[in-house]
Amino acid sequence: MINGDDVRDFIETHRTTIIVILAAVLIVLISILIFVVSTDSANIKKQKEIDARRHLLAFKLEELFLPLEPLQVPDVILSRPLGQIWKKEDVQRWYQIPNSNDRNTLRSLSQAQINEILESIP
């Protein structure tokens, strides 16, 4: 075990060395504290500059939302007016029922396009 007398003798013989070591440790701790405080204040200044730049570049809330249109559309449209209804003459003139030959031609053209698309896929 350690005796109190041995500790007192060690302190008395190495007093200057102990004081120098404690002073050095104290100086290192104080310098670390000063460094931390100075870097924090520099970071705070940089952060304020960054915030100021962001504020200049930021959108205003009014710019994000579109203003109301000057002419409001009605909320619900229950019906719309019917267009012109075809007469029998119009049907005979403009509408033609495709025959099997036309359907086969259309089918082969469509199949050729499909095959060309599928062949181009790696």
PDB file of N, CA and C in Angstrom:
ATOM      1  N   MET A   1       0.843  -1.187   0.000  1.00  0.00           N
ATOM      2  CA  MET A   1       0.000   0.000   0.000  1.00  0.00           C
ATOM      3  C   MET A   1       0.877   1.235   0.000  1.00  0.00           C
ATOM      4  N   ILE A   2       0.231   2.304  -0.363  1.00  0.00           N
ATOM      5  CA  ILE A   2       0.950   3.578  -0.422  1.00  0.00           C
ATOM      6  C   ILE A   2       0.810   4.276   0.924  1.00  0.00           C
ATOM      7  N   ASN A   3       1.919   4.702   1.420  1.00  0.00           N
ATOM      8  CA  ASN A   3       1.942   5.438   2.684  1.00  0.00           C
ATOM      9  C   ASN A   3       1.787   6.922   2.414  1.00  0.00           C
ATOM     10  N   GLY A   4       1.196   7.608   3.340  1.00  0.00           N
ATOM     11  CA  GLY A   4       1.083   9.059   3.228  1.00  0.00           C
ATOM     12  C   GLY A   4       2.444   9.722   3.304  1.00  0.00           C
ATOM     13  N   ASP A   5       3.346   9.136   4.075  1.00  0.00           N
ATOM     14  CA  ASP A   5       4.693   9.688   4.205  1.00  0.00           C
ATOM     15  C   ASP A   5       5.451   9.570   2.886  1.00  0.00           C
ATOM     16  N   ASP A   6       5.257   8.446   2.175  1.00  0.00           N
ATOM     17  CA  ASP A   6       5.937   8.262   0.892  1.00  0.00           C
ATOM     18  C   ASP A   6       5.436   9.287  -0.133  1.00  0.00           C
ATOM     19  N   VAL A   7       4.144   9.563  -0.108  1.00  0.00           N
ATOM     20  CA  VAL A   7       3.568  10.541  -1.032  1.00  0.00           C
ATOM     21  C   VAL A   7       4.120  11.920  -0.724  1.00  0.00           C
ATOM     22  N   ARG A   8       4.205  12.282   0.542  1.00  0.00           N
ATOM     23  CA  ARG A   8       4.735  13.596   0.926  1.00  0.00           C
ATOM     24  C   ARG A   8       6.203  13.716   0.520  1.00  0.00           C
ATOM     25  N   ASP A   9       6.948  12.673   0.704  1.00  0.00           N
ATOM     26  CA  ASP A   9       8.363  12.702   0.316  1.00  0.00           C
ATOM     27  C   ASP A   9       8.505  12.860  -1.204  1.00  0.00           C
ATOM     28  N   PHE A  10       7.656  12.134  -1.977  1.00  0.00           N
ATOM     29  CA  PHE A  10       7.711  12.233  -3.444  1.00  0.00           C
ATOM     30  C   PHE A  10       7.366  13.646  -3.901  1.00  0.00           C
ATOM     31  N   ILE A  11       6.330  14.243  -3.316  1.00  0.00           N
ATOM     32  CA  ILE A  11       5.918  15.596  -3.677  1.00  0.00           C
ATOM     33  C   ILE A  11       7.022  16.595  -3.337  1.00  0.00           C
ATOM     34  N   GLU A  12       7.652  16.453  -2.166  1.00  0.00           N
ATOM     35  CA  GLU A  12       8.704  17.395  -1.757  1.00  0.00           C
ATOM     36  C   GLU A  12       9.929  17.279  -2.643  1.00  0.00           C
ATOM     37  N   THR A  13      10.282  16.097  -3.086  1.00  0.00           N
ATOM     38  CA  THR A  13      11.480  15.928  -3.906  1.00  0.00           C
ATOM     39  C   THR A  13      11.231  16.319  -5.361  1.00  0.00           C
ATOM     40  N   HIS A  14      10.027  16.118  -5.868  1.00  0.00           N
ATOM     41  CA  HIS A  14       9.715  16.398  -7.285  1.00  0.00           C
ATOM     42  C   HIS A  14       8.743  17.569  -7.425  1.00  0.00           C
ATOM     43  N   ARG A  15       8.781  18.500  -6.509  1.00  0.00           N
ATOM     44  CA  ARG A  15       7.828  19.606  -6.499  1.00  0.00           C
ATOM     45  C   ARG A  15       7.893  20.410  -7.797  1.00  0.00           C
ATOM     46  N   THR A  16       9.059  20.787  -8.254  1.00  0.00           N
ATOM     47  CA  THR A  16       9.172  21.621  -9.459  1.00  0.00           C
ATOM     48  C   THR A  16       8.703  20.857 -10.700  1.00  0.00           C
ATOM     49  N   THR A  17       9.022  19.586 -10.789  1.00  0.00           N
ATOM     50  CA  THR A  17       8.590  18.783 -11.936  1.00  0.00           C
ATOM     51  C   THR A  17       7.069  18.661 -11.963  1.00  0.00           C
ATOM     52  N   ILE A  18       6.470  18.437 -10.843  1.00  0.00           N
ATOM     53  CA  ILE A  18       5.005  18.327 -10.765  1.00  0.00           C
ATOM     54  C   ILE A  18       4.357  19.647 -11.145  1.00  0.00           C
ATOM     55  N   ILE A  19       4.911  20.761 -10.665  1.00  0.00           N
ATOM     56  CA  ILE A  19       4.345  22.081 -10.982  1.00  0.00           C
ATOM     57  C   ILE A  19       4.472  22.356 -12.477  1.00  0.00           C
ATOM     58  N   VAL A  20       5.615  22.018 -13.070  1.00  0.00           N
ATOM     59  CA  VAL A  20       5.806  22.241 -14.519  1.00  0.00           C
ATOM     60  C   VAL A  20       4.830  21.383 -15.320  1.00  0.00           C
ATOM     61  N   ILE A  21       4.668  20.131 -14.954  1.00  0.00           N
ATOM     62  CA  ILE A  21       3.739  19.247 -15.686  1.00  0.00           C
ATOM     63  C   ILE A  21       2.305  19.735 -15.546  1.00  0.00           C
ATOM     64  N   LEU A  22       1.881  20.108 -14.360  1.00  0.00           N
ATOM     65  CA  LEU A  22       0.515  20.612 -14.171  1.00  0.00           C
ATOM     66  C   LEU A  22       0.299  21.917 -14.931  1.00  0.00           C
ATOM     67  N   ALA A  23       1.324  22.792 -14.942  1.00  0.00           N
ATOM     68  CA  ALA A  23       1.220  24.052 -15.686  1.00  0.00           C
ATOM     69  C   ALA A  23       1.104  23.769 -17.185  1.00  0.00           C
ATOM     70  N   ALA A  24       1.900  22.812 -17.679  1.00  0.00           N
ATOM     71  CA  ALA A  24       1.841  22.462 -19.100  1.00  0.00           C
ATOM     72  C   ALA A  24       0.467  21.894 -19.461  1.00  0.00           C
ATOM     73  N   VAL A  25      -0.065  21.027 -18.626  1.00  0.00           N
ATOM     74  CA  VAL A  25      -1.402  20.460 -18.877  1.00  0.00           C
ATOM     75  C   VAL A  25      -2.447  21.564 -18.855  1.00  0.00           C
ATOM     76  N   LEU A  26      -2.326  22.501 -17.906  1.00  0.00           N
ATOM     77  CA  LEU A  26      -3.266  23.610 -17.818  1.00  0.00           C
ATOM     78  C   LEU A  26      -3.180  24.500 -19.052  1.00  0.00           C
ATOM     79  N   ILE A  27      -1.972  24.770 -19.525  1.00  0.00           N
ATOM     80  CA  ILE A  27      -1.806  25.586 -20.733  1.00  0.00           C
ATOM     81  C   ILE A  27      -2.402  24.882 -21.948  1.00  0.00           C
ATOM     82  N   VAL A  28      -2.190  23.582 -22.065  1.00  0.00           N
ATOM     83  CA  VAL A  28      -2.764  22.829 -23.188  1.00  0.00           C
ATOM     84  C   VAL A  28      -4.287  22.864 -23.128  1.00  0.00           C
ATOM     85  N   LEU A  29      -4.863  22.675 -21.966  1.00  0.00           N
ATOM     86  CA  LEU A  29      -6.325  22.713 -21.836  1.00  0.00           C
ATOM     87  C   LEU A  29      -6.877  24.091 -22.180  1.00  0.00           C
ATOM     88  N   ILE A  30      -6.201  25.148 -21.721  1.00  0.00           N
ATOM     89  CA  ILE A  30      -6.662  26.505 -22.030  1.00  0.00           C
ATOM     90  C   ILE A  30      -6.548  26.787 -23.524  1.00  0.00           C
ATOM     91  N   SER A  31      -5.445  26.349 -24.153  1.00  0.00           N
ATOM     92  CA  SER A  31      -5.297  26.578 -25.598  1.00  0.00           C
ATOM     93  C   SER A  31      -6.351  25.798 -26.385  1.00  0.00           C
ATOM     94  N   ILE A  32      -6.673  24.580 -25.959  1.00  0.00           N
ATOM     95  CA  ILE A  32      -7.741  23.811 -26.621  1.00  0.00           C
ATOM     96  C   ILE A  32      -9.081  24.522 -26.469  1.00  0.00           C
ATOM     97  N   LEU A  33      -9.351  25.052 -25.303  1.00  0.00           N
ATOM     98  CA  LEU A  33     -10.592  25.783 -25.067  1.00  0.00           C
ATOM     99  C   LEU A  33     -10.670  27.024 -25.953  1.00  0.00           C
ATOM    100  N   ILE A  34      -9.583  27.763 -26.058  1.00  0.00           N
ATOM    101  CA  ILE A  34      -9.557  28.957 -26.912  1.00  0.00           C
ATOM    102  C   ILE A  34      -9.750  28.566 -28.375  1.00  0.00           C
ATOM    103  N   PHE A  35      -9.114  27.478 -28.808  1.00  0.00           N
ATOM    104  CA  PHE A  35      -9.256  27.023 -30.186  1.00  0.00           C
ATOM    105  C   PHE A  35     -10.699  26.638 -30.496  1.00  0.00           C
ATOM    106  N   VAL A  36     -11.314  25.924 -29.583  1.00  0.00           N
ATOM    107  CA  VAL A  36     -12.707  25.489 -29.797  1.00  0.00           C
ATOM    108  C   VAL A  36     -13.634  26.694 -29.865  1.00  0.00           C
ATOM    109  N   VAL A  37     -13.445  27.646 -28.980  1.00  0.00           N
ATOM    110  CA  VAL A  37     -14.302  28.835 -28.973  1.00  0.00           C
ATOM    111  C   VAL A  37     -14.104  29.643 -30.250  1.00  0.00           C
ATOM    112  N   SER A  38     -12.859  29.788 -30.707  1.00  0.00           N
ATOM    113  CA  SER A  38     -12.604  30.587 -31.912  1.00  0.00           C
ATOM    114  C   SER A  38     -13.161  29.909 -33.154  1.00  0.00           C
ATOM    115  N   THR A  39     -13.036  28.570 -33.254  1.00  0.00           N
ATOM    116  CA  THR A  39     -13.594  27.885 -34.419  1.00  0.00           C
ATOM    117  C   THR A  39     -15.115  27.919 -34.403  1.00  0.00           C
ATOM    118  N   ASP A  40     -15.720  27.843 -33.224  1.00  0.00           N
ATOM    119  CA  ASP A  40     -17.179  27.947 -33.148  1.00  0.00           C
ATOM    120  C   ASP A  40     -17.649  29.323 -33.594  1.00  0.00           C
ATOM    121  N   SER A  41     -16.948  30.368 -33.180  1.00  0.00           N
ATOM    122  CA  SER A  41     -17.358  31.713 -33.586  1.00  0.00           C
ATOM    123  C   SER A  41     -17.140  31.902 -35.086  1.00  0.00           C
ATOM    124  N   ALA A  42     -16.066  31.308 -35.646  1.00  0.00           N
ATOM    125  CA  ALA A  42     -15.845  31.391 -37.091  1.00  0.00           C
ATOM    126  C   ALA A  42     -16.931  30.628 -37.834  1.00  0.00           C
ATOM    127  N   ASN A  43     -17.325  29.464 -37.303  1.00  0.00           N
ATOM    128  CA  ASN A  43     -18.393  28.689 -37.934  1.00  0.00           C
ATOM    129  C   ASN A  43     -19.719  29.434 -37.869  1.00  0.00           C
ATOM    130  N   ILE A  44     -19.955  30.115 -36.776  1.00  0.00           N
ATOM    131  CA  ILE A  44     -21.198  30.887 -36.642  1.00  0.00           C
ATOM    132  C   ILE A  44     -21.217  32.018 -37.661  1.00  0.00           C
ATOM    133  N   LYS A  45     -20.071  32.690 -37.855  1.00  0.00           N
ATOM    134  CA  LYS A  45     -19.999  33.762 -38.849  1.00  0.00           C
ATOM    135  C   LYS A  45     -20.215  33.211 -40.253  1.00  0.00           C
ATOM    136  N   LYS A  46     -19.579  32.076 -40.554  1.00  0.00           N
ATOM    137  CA  LYS A  46     -19.765  31.463 -41.869  1.00  0.00           C
ATOM    138  C   LYS A  46     -21.214  31.044 -42.072  1.00  0.00           C
ATOM    139  N   GLN A  47     -21.825  30.500 -41.041  1.00  0.00           N
ATOM    140  CA  GLN A  47     -23.215  30.070 -41.144  1.00  0.00           C
ATOM    141  C   GLN A  47     -24.138  31.264 -41.376  1.00  0.00           C
ATOM    142  N   LYS A  48     -23.833  32.392 -40.734  1.00  0.00           N
ATOM    143  CA  LYS A  48     -24.644  33.593 -40.957  1.00  0.00           C
ATOM    144  C   LYS A  48     -24.503  34.079 -42.391  1.00  0.00           C
ATOM    145  N   GLU A  49     -23.283  34.011 -42.944  1.00  0.00           N
ATOM    146  CA  GLU A  49     -23.084  34.409 -44.339  1.00  0.00           C
ATOM    147  C   GLU A  49     -23.834  33.471 -45.281  1.00  0.00           C
ATOM    148  N   ILE A  50     -23.772  32.184 -44.999  1.00  0.00           N
ATOM    149  CA  ILE A  50     -24.484  31.214 -45.833  1.00  0.00           C
ATOM    150  C   ILE A  50     -25.989  31.446 -45.750  1.00  0.00           C
ATOM    151  N   ASP A  51     -26.491  31.695 -44.557  1.00  0.00           N
ATOM    152  CA  ASP A  51     -27.927  31.966 -44.401  1.00  0.00           C
ATOM    153  C   ASP A  51     -28.332  33.223 -45.151  1.00  0.00           C
ATOM    154  N   ALA A  52     -27.474  34.247 -45.128  1.00  0.00           N
ATOM    155  CA  ALA A  52     -27.784  35.487 -45.847  1.00  0.00           C
ATOM    156  C   ALA A  52     -27.834  35.224 -47.353  1.00  0.00           C
ATOM    157  N   ARG A  53     -26.892  34.429 -47.865  1.00  0.00           N
ATOM    158  CA  ARG A  53     -26.906  34.099 -49.300  1.00  0.00           C
ATOM    159  C   ARG A  53     -28.142  33.285 -49.659  1.00  0.00           C
ATOM    160  N   ARG A  54     -28.484  32.326 -48.817  1.00  0.00           N
ATOM    161  CA  ARG A  54     -29.682  31.518 -49.086  1.00  0.00           C
ATOM    162  C   ARG A  54     -30.939  32.376 -49.068  1.00  0.00           C
ATOM    163  N   HIS A  55     -30.965  33.343 -48.180  1.00  0.00           N
ATOM    164  CA  HIS A  55     -32.135  34.220 -48.095  1.00  0.00           C
ATOM    165  C   HIS A  55     -32.269  35.035 -49.381  1.00  0.00           C
ATOM    166  N   LEU A  56     -31.143  35.461 -49.957  1.00  0.00           N
ATOM    167  CA  LEU A  56     -31.202  36.210 -51.201  1.00  0.00           C
ATOM    168  C   LEU A  56     -31.663  35.344 -52.366  1.00  0.00           C
ATOM    169  N   LEU A  57     -31.272  34.064 -52.360  1.00  0.00           N
ATOM    170  CA  LEU A  57     -31.615  33.169 -53.457  1.00  0.00           C
ATOM    171  C   LEU A  57     -32.955  32.464 -53.266  1.00  0.00           C
ATOM    172  N   ALA A  58     -33.516  32.560 -52.101  1.00  0.00           N
ATOM    173  CA  ALA A  58     -34.739  31.808 -51.793  1.00  0.00           C
ATOM    174  C   ALA A  58     -35.945  32.407 -52.520  1.00  0.00           C
ATOM    175  N   PHE A  59     -36.905  31.553 -52.771  1.00  0.00           N
ATOM    176  CA  PHE A  59     -38.163  31.995 -53.362  1.00  0.00           C
ATOM    177  C   PHE A  59     -39.035  32.620 -52.294  1.00  0.00           C
ATOM    178  N   LYS A  60     -39.761  33.606 -52.704  1.00  0.00           N
ATOM    179  CA  LYS A  60     -40.752  34.162 -51.798  1.00  0.00           C
ATOM    180  C   LYS A  60     -42.005  33.289 -51.884  1.00  0.00           C
ATOM    181  N   LEU A  61     -42.759  33.267 -50.827  1.00  0.00           N
ATOM    182  CA  LEU A  61     -43.930  32.408 -50.772  1.00  0.00           C
ATOM    183  C   LEU A  61     -44.941  32.767 -51.862  1.00  0.00           C
ATOM    184  N   GLU A  62     -45.034  34.047 -52.194  1.00  0.00           N
ATOM    185  CA  GLU A  62     -45.981  34.469 -53.230  1.00  0.00           C
ATOM    186  C   GLU A  62     -45.571  33.941 -54.597  1.00  0.00           C
ATOM    187  N   GLU A  63     -44.257  33.701 -54.803  1.00  0.00           N
ATOM    188  CA  GLU A  63     -43.799  33.214 -56.099  1.00  0.00           C
ATOM    189  C   GLU A  63     -44.094  31.726 -56.281  1.00  0.00           C
ATOM    190  N   LEU A  64     -44.257  30.995 -55.208  1.00  0.00           N
ATOM    191  CA  LEU A  64     -44.478  29.571 -55.310  1.00  0.00           C
ATOM    192  C   LEU A  64     -45.920  29.209 -55.654  1.00  0.00           C
ATOM    193  N   PHE A  65     -46.860  30.030 -55.268  1.00  0.00           N
ATOM    194  CA  PHE A  65     -48.259  29.741 -55.522  1.00  0.00           C
ATOM    195  C   PHE A  65     -48.762  30.584 -56.682  1.00  0.00           C
ATOM    196  N   LEU A  66     -49.498  29.949 -57.554  1.00  0.00           N
ATOM    197  CA  LEU A  66     -50.054  30.666 -58.687  1.00  0.00           C
ATOM    198  C   LEU A  66     -51.192  31.562 -58.215  1.00  0.00           C
ATOM    199  N   PRO A  67     -51.286  32.747 -58.770  1.00  0.00           N
ATOM    200  CA  PRO A  67     -52.402  33.606 -58.385  1.00  0.00           C
ATOM    201  C   PRO A  67     -53.716  33.046 -58.937  1.00  0.00           C
ATOM    202  N   LEU A  68     -54.799  33.501 -58.367  1.00  0.00           N
ATOM    203  CA  LEU A  68     -56.105  33.065 -58.847  1.00  0.00           C
ATOM    204  C   LEU A  68     -56.330  33.569 -60.254  1.00  0.00           C
ATOM    205  N   GLU A  69     -57.011  32.761 -61.039  1.00  0.00           N
ATOM    206  CA  GLU A  69     -57.287  33.161 -62.409  1.00  0.00           C
ATOM    207  C   GLU A  69     -58.350  34.253 -62.400  1.00  0.00           C
ATOM    208  N   PRO A  70     -58.243  35.177 -63.340  1.00  0.00           N
ATOM    209  CA  PRO A  70     -59.244  36.244 -63.352  1.00  0.00           C
ATOM    210  C   PRO A  70     -60.633  35.745 -63.738  1.00  0.00           C
ATOM    211  N   LEU A  71     -60.705  34.746 -64.604  1.00  0.00           N
ATOM    212  CA  LEU A  71     -62.000  34.206 -65.011  1.00  0.00           C
ATOM    213  C   LEU A  71     -62.154  32.817 -64.409  1.00  0.00           C
ATOM    214  N   GLN A  72     -62.992  32.705 -63.461  1.00  0.00           N
ATOM    215  CA  GLN A  72     -63.201  31.423 -62.795  1.00  0.00           C
ATOM    216  C   GLN A  72     -64.111  30.552 -63.647  1.00  0.00           C
ATOM    217  N   VAL A  73     -63.763  29.288 -63.736  1.00  0.00           N
ATOM    218  CA  VAL A  73     -64.616  28.349 -64.459  1.00  0.00           C
ATOM    219  C   VAL A  73     -65.671  27.825 -63.497  1.00  0.00           C
ATOM    220  N   PRO A  74     -66.818  27.442 -64.000  1.00  0.00           N
ATOM    221  CA  PRO A  74     -67.838  26.912 -63.095  1.00  0.00           C
ATOM    222  C   PRO A  74     -67.359  25.610 -62.465  1.00  0.00           C
ATOM    223  N   ASP A  75     -67.839  25.356 -61.265  1.00  0.00           N
ATOM    224  CA  ASP A  75     -67.392  24.179 -60.526  1.00  0.00           C
ATOM    225  C   ASP A  75     -67.835  22.878 -61.184  1.00  0.00           C
ATOM    226  N   VAL A  76     -69.083  22.799 -61.590  1.00  0.00           N
ATOM    227  CA  VAL A  76     -69.619  21.569 -62.143  1.00  0.00           C
ATOM    228  C   VAL A  76     -70.308  21.887 -63.460  1.00  0.00           C
ATOM    229  N   ILE A  77     -69.996  21.080 -64.460  1.00  0.00           N
ATOM    230  CA  ILE A  77     -70.690  21.209 -65.745  1.00  0.00           C
ATOM    231  C   ILE A  77     -71.596  19.982 -65.848  1.00  0.00           C
ATOM    232  N   LEU A  78     -72.892  20.220 -65.744  1.00  0.00           N
ATOM    233  CA  LEU A  78     -73.823  19.103 -65.716  1.00  0.00           C
ATOM    234  C   LEU A  78     -74.016  18.486 -67.097  1.00  0.00           C
ATOM    235  N   SER A  79     -74.003  19.284 -68.111  1.00  0.00           N
ATOM    236  CA  SER A  79     -74.174  18.745 -69.454  1.00  0.00           C
ATOM    237  C   SER A  79     -73.508  19.695 -70.433  1.00  0.00           C
ATOM    238  N   ARG A  80     -73.282  19.194 -71.603  1.00  0.00           N
ATOM    239  CA  ARG A  80     -72.719  20.045 -72.645  1.00  0.00           C
ATOM    240  C   ARG A  80     -73.611  19.947 -73.873  1.00  0.00           C
ATOM    241  N   PRO A  81     -73.594  20.963 -74.681  1.00  0.00           N
ATOM    242  CA  PRO A  81     -74.456  20.908 -75.872  1.00  0.00           C
ATOM    243  C   PRO A  81     -73.955  19.846 -76.848  1.00  0.00           C
ATOM    244  N   LEU A  82     -74.884  19.132 -77.415  1.00  0.00           N
ATOM    245  CA  LEU A  82     -74.525  18.083 -78.357  1.00  0.00           C
ATOM    246  C   LEU A  82     -74.072  18.699 -79.671  1.00  0.00           C
ATOM    247  N   GLY A  83     -73.111  18.031 -80.265  1.00  0.00           N
ATOM    248  CA  GLY A  83     -72.652  18.467 -81.582  1.00  0.00           C
ATOM    249  C   GLY A  83     -73.638  18.030 -82.652  1.00  0.00           C
ATOM    250  N   GLN A  84     -73.243  18.227 -83.870  1.00  0.00           N
ATOM    251  CA  GLN A  84     -74.107  17.856 -84.984  1.00  0.00           C
ATOM    252  C   GLN A  84     -74.179  16.336 -85.090  1.00  0.00           C
ATOM    253  N   ILE A  85     -75.361  15.816 -85.221  1.00  0.00           N
ATOM    254  CA  ILE A  85     -75.553  14.375 -85.362  1.00  0.00           C
ATOM    255  C   ILE A  85     -75.500  14.033 -86.839  1.00  0.00           C
ATOM    256  N   TRP A  86     -74.775  12.930 -87.152  1.00  0.00           N
ATOM    257  CA  TRP A  86     -74.614  12.550 -88.549  1.00  0.00           C
ATOM    258  C   TRP A  86     -75.942  12.102 -89.149  1.00  0.00           C
ATOM    259  N   LYS A  87     -76.102  12.483 -90.363  1.00  0.00           N
ATOM    260  CA  LYS A  87     -77.265  12.017 -91.121  1.00  0.00           C
ATOM    261  C   LYS A  87     -76.846  10.765 -91.881  1.00  0.00           C
ATOM    262  N   LYS A  88     -77.797  10.080 -92.457  1.00  0.00           N
ATOM    263  CA  LYS A  88     -77.488   8.852 -93.192  1.00  0.00           C
ATOM    264  C   LYS A  88     -76.559   9.120 -94.365  1.00  0.00           C
ATOM    265  N   GLU A  89     -76.705  10.284 -94.988  1.00  0.00           N
ATOM    266  CA  GLU A  89     -75.829  10.617 -96.115  1.00  0.00           C
ATOM    267  C   GLU A  89     -74.386  10.805 -95.640  1.00  0.00           C
ATOM    268  N   ASP A  90     -74.237  11.432 -94.441  1.00  0.00           N
ATOM    269  CA  ASP A  90     -72.898  11.629 -93.886  1.00  0.00           C
ATOM    270  C   ASP A  90     -72.251  10.293 -93.534  1.00  0.00           C
ATOM    271  N   VAL A  91     -73.060   9.386 -92.994  1.00  0.00           N
ATOM    272  CA  VAL A  91     -72.533   8.081 -92.636  1.00  0.00           C
ATOM    273  C   VAL A  91     -72.056   7.358 -93.881  1.00  0.00           C
ATOM    274  N   GLN A  92     -72.851   7.395 -94.919  1.00  0.00           N
ATOM    275  CA  GLN A  92     -72.460   6.704 -96.151  1.00  0.00           C
ATOM    276  C   GLN A  92     -71.241   7.367 -96.787  1.00  0.00           C
ATOM    277  N   ARG A  93     -71.118   8.674 -96.636  1.00  0.00           N
ATOM    278  CA  ARG A  93     -69.999   9.386 -97.260  1.00  0.00           C
ATOM    279  C   ARG A  93     -68.698   9.218 -96.469  1.00  0.00           C
ATOM    280  N   TRP A  94     -68.760   9.336 -95.141  1.00  0.00           N
ATOM    281  CA  TRP A  94     -67.546   9.396 -94.331  1.00  0.00           C
ATOM    282  C   TRP A  94     -67.175   8.096 -93.627  1.00  0.00           C
ATOM    283  N   TYR A  95     -68.109   7.245 -93.345  1.00  0.00           N
ATOM    284  CA  TYR A  95     -67.809   6.025 -92.614  1.00  0.00           C
ATOM    285  C   TYR A  95     -67.832   4.841 -93.559  1.00  0.00           C
ATOM    286  N   GLN A  96     -66.799   4.042 -93.440  1.00  0.00           N
ATOM    287  CA  GLN A  96     -66.691   2.884 -94.309  1.00  0.00           C
ATOM    288  C   GLN A  96     -66.313   1.691 -93.452  1.00  0.00           C
ATOM    289  N   ILE A  97     -67.052   0.625 -93.551  1.00  0.00           N
ATOM    290  CA  ILE A  97     -66.753  -0.573 -92.800  1.00  0.00           C
ATOM    291  C   ILE A  97     -65.594  -1.278 -93.490  1.00  0.00           C
ATOM    292  N   PRO A  98     -64.498  -1.505 -92.757  1.00  0.00           N
ATOM    293  CA  PRO A  98     -63.344  -2.142 -93.413  1.00  0.00           C
ATOM    294  C   PRO A  98     -63.639  -3.602 -93.751  1.00  0.00           C
ATOM    295  N   ASN A  99     -63.220  -3.995 -94.933  1.00  0.00           N
ATOM    296  CA  ASN A  99     -63.427  -5.386 -95.333  1.00  0.00           C
ATOM    297  C   ASN A  99     -62.244  -6.219 -94.845  1.00  0.00           C
ATOM    298  N   SER A 100     -62.302  -7.523 -95.054  1.00  0.00           N
ATOM    299  CA  SER A 100     -61.263  -8.422 -94.525  1.00  0.00           C
ATOM    300  C   SER A 100     -59.917  -8.161 -95.181  1.00  0.00           C
ATOM    301  N   ASN A 101     -59.903  -7.766 -96.438  1.00  0.00           N
ATOM    302  CA  ASN A 101     -58.647  -7.480 -97.126  1.00  0.00           C
ATOM    303  C   ASN A 101     -57.949  -6.270 -96.483  1.00  0.00           C
ATOM    304  N   ASP A 102     -58.720  -5.223 -96.203  1.00  0.00           N
ATOM    305  CA  ASP A 102     -58.156  -4.039 -95.554  1.00  0.00           C
ATOM    306  C   ASP A 102     -57.654  -4.372 -94.149  1.00  0.00           C
ATOM    307  N   ARG A 103     -58.410  -5.183 -93.421  1.00  0.00           N
ATOM    308  CA  ARG A 103     -57.987  -5.567 -92.070  1.00  0.00           C
ATOM    309  C   ARG A 103     -56.701  -6.378 -92.114  1.00  0.00           C
ATOM    310  N   ASN A 104     -56.583  -7.288 -93.072  1.00  0.00           N
ATOM    311  CA  ASN A 104     -55.356  -8.087 -93.196  1.00  0.00           C
ATOM    312  C   ASN A 104     -54.159  -7.207 -93.553  1.00  0.00           C
ATOM    313  N   THR A 105     -54.363  -6.255 -94.432  1.00  0.00           N
ATOM    314  CA  THR A 105     -53.280  -5.342 -94.787  1.00  0.00           C
ATOM    315  C   THR A 105     -52.849  -4.528 -93.579  1.00  0.00           C
ATOM    316  N   LEU A 106     -53.815  -4.009 -92.852  1.00  0.00           N
ATOM    317  CA  LEU A 106     -53.511  -3.231 -91.654  1.00  0.00           C
ATOM    318  C   LEU A 106     -52.814  -4.091 -90.602  1.00  0.00           C
ATOM    319  N   ARG A 107     -53.268  -5.322 -90.438  1.00  0.00           N
ATOM    320  CA  ARG A 107     -52.655  -6.231 -89.476  1.00  0.00           C
ATOM    321  C   ARG A 107     -51.202  -6.529 -89.854  1.00  0.00           C
ATOM    322  N   SER A 108     -50.924  -6.758 -91.128  1.00  0.00           N
ATOM    323  CA  SER A 108     -49.549  -7.078 -91.535  1.00  0.00           C
ATOM    324  C   SER A 108     -48.638  -5.854 -91.371  1.00  0.00           C
ATOM    325  N   LEU A 109     -49.126  -4.655 -91.666  1.00  0.00           N
ATOM    326  CA  LEU A 109     -48.319  -3.442 -91.459  1.00  0.00           C
ATOM    327  C   LEU A 109     -48.035  -3.224 -89.977  1.00  0.00           C
ATOM    328  N   SER A 110     -49.034  -3.437 -89.153  1.00  0.00           N
ATOM    329  CA  SER A 110     -48.855  -3.272 -87.711  1.00  0.00           C
ATOM    330  C   SER A 110     -47.882  -4.318 -87.167  1.00  0.00           C
ATOM    331  N   GLN A 111     -48.006  -5.560 -87.640  1.00  0.00           N
ATOM    332  CA  GLN A 111     -47.113  -6.622 -87.176  1.00  0.00           C
ATOM    333  C   GLN A 111     -45.678  -6.339 -87.605  1.00  0.00           C
ATOM    334  N   ALA A 112     -45.485  -5.764 -88.777  1.00  0.00           N
ATOM    335  CA  ALA A 112     -44.136  -5.422 -89.236  1.00  0.00           C
ATOM    336  C   ALA A 112     -43.529  -4.349 -88.336  1.00  0.00           C
ATOM    337  N   GLN A 113     -44.318  -3.361 -87.946  1.00  0.00           N
ATOM    338  CA  GLN A 113     -43.814  -2.327 -87.029  1.00  0.00           C
ATOM    339  C   GLN A 113     -43.496  -2.917 -85.657  1.00  0.00           C
ATOM    340  N   ILE A 114     -44.336  -3.804 -85.177  1.00  0.00           N
ATOM    341  CA  ILE A 114     -44.098  -4.440 -83.874  1.00  0.00           C
ATOM    342  C   ILE A 114     -42.815  -5.264 -83.920  1.00  0.00           C
ATOM    343  N   ASN A 115     -42.633  -6.028 -85.005  1.00  0.00           N
ATOM    344  CA  ASN A 115     -41.419  -6.840 -85.125  1.00  0.00           C
ATOM    345  C   ASN A 115     -40.174  -5.967 -85.197  1.00  0.00           C
ATOM    346  N   GLU A 116     -40.263  -4.845 -85.883  1.00  0.00           N
ATOM    347  CA  GLU A 116     -39.115  -3.937 -85.977  1.00  0.00           C
ATOM    348  C   GLU A 116     -38.768  -3.361 -84.594  1.00  0.00           C
ATOM    349  N   ILE A 117     -39.774  -3.023 -83.835  1.00  0.00           N
ATOM    350  CA  ILE A 117     -39.540  -2.500 -82.474  1.00  0.00           C
ATOM    351  C   ILE A 117     -38.935  -3.577 -81.592  1.00  0.00           C
ATOM    352  N   LEU A 118     -39.473  -4.779 -81.651  1.00  0.00           N
ATOM    353  CA  LEU A 118     -38.978  -5.860 -80.794  1.00  0.00           C
ATOM    354  C   LEU A 118     -37.568  -6.292 -81.187  1.00  0.00           C
ATOM    355  N   GLU A 119     -37.211  -6.203 -82.472  1.00  0.00           N
ATOM    356  CA  GLU A 119     -35.869  -6.568 -82.889  1.00  0.00           C
ATOM    357  C   GLU A 119     -34.835  -5.548 -82.441  1.00  0.00           C
ATOM    358  N   SER A 120     -35.251  -4.309 -82.260  1.00  0.00           N
ATOM    359  CA  SER A 120     -34.300  -3.270 -81.863  1.00  0.00           C
ATOM    360  C   SER A 120     -33.992  -3.321 -80.365  1.00  0.00           C
ATOM    361  N   ILE A 121     -34.761  -4.072 -79.607  1.00  0.00           N
ATOM    362  CA  ILE A 121     -34.521  -4.191 -78.172  1.00  0.00           C
ATOM    363  C   ILE A 121     -33.347  -5.121 -77.947  1.00  0.00           C
ATOM    364  N   PRO A 122     -32.339  -4.693 -77.167  1.00  0.00           N
ATOM    365  CA  PRO A 122     -31.177  -5.572 -76.947  1.00  0.00           C
ATOM    366  C   PRO A 122     -31.499  -6.751 -76.052  1.00  0.00           C
TER     367      PRO A 122
END
